[in-house]
Amino acid sequence: MRQIGSRAREAAAAFDWARITRSFERHLNDVLQSEAGDAAQRRAHKHKLDALTNQDKTGV
């Protein structure tokens, strides 16, 4: 158990708040970019549906 505790302490010492913060920010940025892409796809799909609906109404 002491050896496991010692190794865990060494592993934990390798992390610092700046590194953890940068990693967290990268993950948040990835999520935001993914959400933005999804939103753009939804807007494009809605635009196509609106165009088709308007076409049906006008016959054009």
N, C-alpha and C. Protein backbone atom coordinates (compact mmCIF):
# COMPACT_ATOMS: atom_id res chain seq x y z
N MET A 1 0.83 -1.19 0.00
CA MET A 1 0.00 0.00 0.00
C MET A 1 0.88 1.26 0.00
N ARG A 2 1.99 1.22 0.71
CA ARG A 2 2.87 2.39 0.73
C ARG A 2 3.43 2.67 -0.65
N GLN A 3 3.76 1.61 -1.37
CA GLN A 3 4.30 1.78 -2.72
C GLN A 3 3.23 2.38 -3.65
N ILE A 4 2.01 1.92 -3.51
CA ILE A 4 0.91 2.48 -4.32
C ILE A 4 0.72 3.95 -3.97
N GLY A 5 0.73 4.26 -2.68
CA GLY A 5 0.58 5.65 -2.24
C GLY A 5 1.70 6.53 -2.76
N SER A 6 2.91 6.01 -2.73
CA SER A 6 4.06 6.77 -3.21
C SER A 6 3.94 7.04 -4.70
N ARG A 7 3.56 6.03 -5.47
CA ARG A 7 3.39 6.21 -6.92
C ARG A 7 2.26 7.18 -7.23
N ALA A 8 1.18 7.09 -6.47
CA ALA A 8 0.05 8.01 -6.67
C ALA A 8 0.49 9.44 -6.40
N ARG A 9 1.26 9.64 -5.35
CA ARG A 9 1.75 10.98 -5.01
C ARG A 9 2.64 11.51 -6.13
N GLU A 10 3.52 10.67 -6.68
CA GLU A 10 4.39 11.08 -7.77
C GLU A 10 3.57 11.45 -9.01
N ALA A 11 2.55 10.66 -9.29
CA ALA A 11 1.71 10.94 -10.46
C ALA A 11 0.96 12.26 -10.26
N ALA A 12 0.44 12.48 -9.07
CA ALA A 12 -0.30 13.71 -8.79
C ALA A 12 0.61 14.93 -8.85
N ALA A 13 1.86 14.77 -8.45
CA ALA A 13 2.81 15.88 -8.46
C ALA A 13 3.12 16.34 -9.87
N ALA A 14 2.92 15.47 -10.86
CA ALA A 14 3.21 15.81 -12.24
C ALA A 14 2.18 16.80 -12.81
N PHE A 15 1.04 16.91 -12.16
CA PHE A 15 0.00 17.82 -12.62
C PHE A 15 0.14 19.16 -11.92
N ASP A 16 -0.11 20.23 -12.67
CA ASP A 16 -0.13 21.55 -12.06
C ASP A 16 -1.39 22.26 -12.54
N TRP A 17 -1.80 23.30 -11.80
CA TRP A 17 -3.05 23.97 -12.11
C TRP A 17 -3.05 24.60 -13.49
N ALA A 18 -1.95 25.13 -13.94
CA ALA A 18 -1.90 25.74 -15.28
C ALA A 18 -2.17 24.68 -16.35
N ARG A 19 -1.56 23.52 -16.20
CA ARG A 19 -1.75 22.43 -17.17
C ARG A 19 -3.20 21.94 -17.14
N ILE A 20 -3.73 21.76 -15.94
CA ILE A 20 -5.11 21.30 -15.80
C ILE A 20 -6.08 22.32 -16.41
N THR A 21 -5.84 23.60 -16.15
CA THR A 21 -6.70 24.66 -16.68
C THR A 21 -6.65 24.70 -18.20
N ARG A 22 -5.46 24.60 -18.78
CA ARG A 22 -5.34 24.59 -20.25
C ARG A 22 -6.09 23.41 -20.85
N SER A 23 -5.97 22.26 -20.24
CA SER A 23 -6.67 21.07 -20.73
C SER A 23 -8.18 21.27 -20.66
N PHE A 24 -8.66 21.80 -19.54
CA PHE A 24 -10.09 22.05 -19.38
C PHE A 24 -10.58 23.06 -20.40
N GLU A 25 -9.81 24.11 -20.64
CA GLU A 25 -10.20 25.12 -21.63
C GLU A 25 -10.26 24.52 -23.03
N ARG A 26 -9.32 23.64 -23.36
CA ARG A 26 -9.35 22.97 -24.67
C ARG A 26 -10.61 22.14 -24.81
N HIS A 27 -10.97 21.42 -23.77
CA HIS A 27 -12.18 20.60 -23.82
C HIS A 27 -13.43 21.46 -23.98
N LEU A 28 -13.49 22.56 -23.24
CA LEU A 28 -14.63 23.47 -23.38
C LEU A 28 -14.70 24.05 -24.78
N ASN A 29 -13.57 24.43 -25.32
CA ASN A 29 -13.52 24.99 -26.67
C ASN A 29 -14.00 23.96 -27.69
N ASP A 30 -13.59 22.71 -27.53
CA ASP A 30 -14.05 21.65 -28.43
C ASP A 30 -15.56 21.51 -28.38
N VAL A 31 -16.11 21.54 -27.17
CA VAL A 31 -17.56 21.42 -27.02
C VAL A 31 -18.27 22.61 -27.67
N LEU A 32 -17.76 23.81 -27.44
CA LEU A 32 -18.38 25.00 -28.03
C LEU A 32 -18.33 24.96 -29.55
N GLN A 33 -17.20 24.53 -30.11
CA GLN A 33 -17.09 24.45 -31.56
C GLN A 33 -18.05 23.40 -32.11
N SER A 34 -18.17 22.29 -31.42
CA SER A 34 -19.09 21.25 -31.84
C SER A 34 -20.53 21.74 -31.81
N GLU A 35 -20.88 22.43 -30.72
CA GLU A 35 -22.24 22.98 -30.59
C GLU A 35 -22.51 24.02 -31.67
N ALA A 36 -21.52 24.85 -31.98
CA ALA A 36 -21.69 25.87 -33.01
C ALA A 36 -21.90 25.22 -34.37
N GLY A 37 -21.15 24.16 -34.64
CA GLY A 37 -21.32 23.43 -35.91
C GLY A 37 -22.68 22.79 -35.99
N ASP A 38 -23.13 22.21 -34.90
CA ASP A 38 -24.46 21.60 -34.86
C ASP A 38 -25.54 22.65 -35.08
N ALA A 39 -25.38 23.81 -34.46
CA ALA A 39 -26.36 24.89 -34.62
C ALA A 39 -26.39 25.36 -36.07
N ALA A 40 -25.24 25.47 -36.70
CA ALA A 40 -25.18 25.90 -38.10
C ALA A 40 -25.88 24.88 -39.00
N GLN A 41 -25.69 23.60 -38.72
CA GLN A 41 -26.37 22.57 -39.50
C GLN A 41 -27.88 22.65 -39.31
N ARG A 42 -28.32 22.89 -38.08
CA ARG A 42 -29.77 23.01 -37.82
C ARG A 42 -30.35 24.22 -38.56
N ARG A 43 -29.61 25.34 -38.57
CA ARG A 43 -30.08 26.53 -39.28
C ARG A 43 -30.17 26.26 -40.78
N ALA A 44 -29.17 25.59 -41.33
CA ALA A 44 -29.18 25.28 -42.77
C ALA A 44 -30.34 24.36 -43.10
N HIS A 45 -30.58 23.38 -42.27
CA HIS A 45 -31.69 22.44 -42.50
C HIS A 45 -33.02 23.19 -42.44
N LYS A 46 -33.17 24.07 -41.43
CA LYS A 46 -34.40 24.85 -41.30
C LYS A 46 -34.59 25.74 -42.52
N HIS A 47 -33.50 26.35 -42.99
CA HIS A 47 -33.58 27.22 -44.17
C HIS A 47 -34.08 26.43 -45.38
N LYS A 48 -33.56 25.22 -45.56
CA LYS A 48 -34.00 24.37 -46.67
C LYS A 48 -35.47 24.02 -46.53
N LEU A 49 -35.88 23.67 -45.31
CA LEU A 49 -37.29 23.34 -45.09
C LEU A 49 -38.18 24.54 -45.35
N ASP A 50 -37.76 25.72 -44.89
CA ASP A 50 -38.53 26.93 -45.12
C ASP A 50 -38.65 27.21 -46.62
N ALA A 51 -37.56 27.03 -47.35
CA ALA A 51 -37.58 27.26 -48.79
C ALA A 51 -38.55 26.30 -49.47
N LEU A 52 -38.53 25.04 -49.06
CA LEU A 52 -39.45 24.06 -49.64
C LEU A 52 -40.90 24.41 -49.30
N THR A 53 -41.14 24.82 -48.08
CA THR A 53 -42.49 25.19 -47.65
C THR A 53 -42.98 26.40 -48.44
N ASN A 54 -42.12 27.39 -48.59
CA ASN A 54 -42.49 28.57 -49.36
C ASN A 54 -42.72 28.24 -50.81
N GLN A 55 -41.93 27.31 -51.34
CA GLN A 55 -42.10 26.89 -52.73
C GLN A 55 -43.46 26.23 -52.92
N ASP A 56 -43.87 25.41 -51.96
CA ASP A 56 -45.16 24.76 -52.03
C ASP A 56 -46.29 25.79 -52.00
N LYS A 57 -46.12 26.85 -51.21
CA LYS A 57 -47.15 27.87 -51.09
C LYS A 57 -47.27 28.72 -52.33
N THR A 58 -46.11 29.01 -52.97
CA THR A 58 -46.12 29.90 -54.14
C THR A 58 -46.15 29.15 -55.45
N GLY A 59 -45.82 27.85 -55.39
CA GLY A 59 -45.80 27.07 -56.61
C GLY A 59 -44.57 27.33 -57.45
N VAL A 60 -43.61 28.04 -56.90
CA VAL A 60 -42.38 28.38 -57.65
C VAL A 60 -41.30 27.43 -57.28
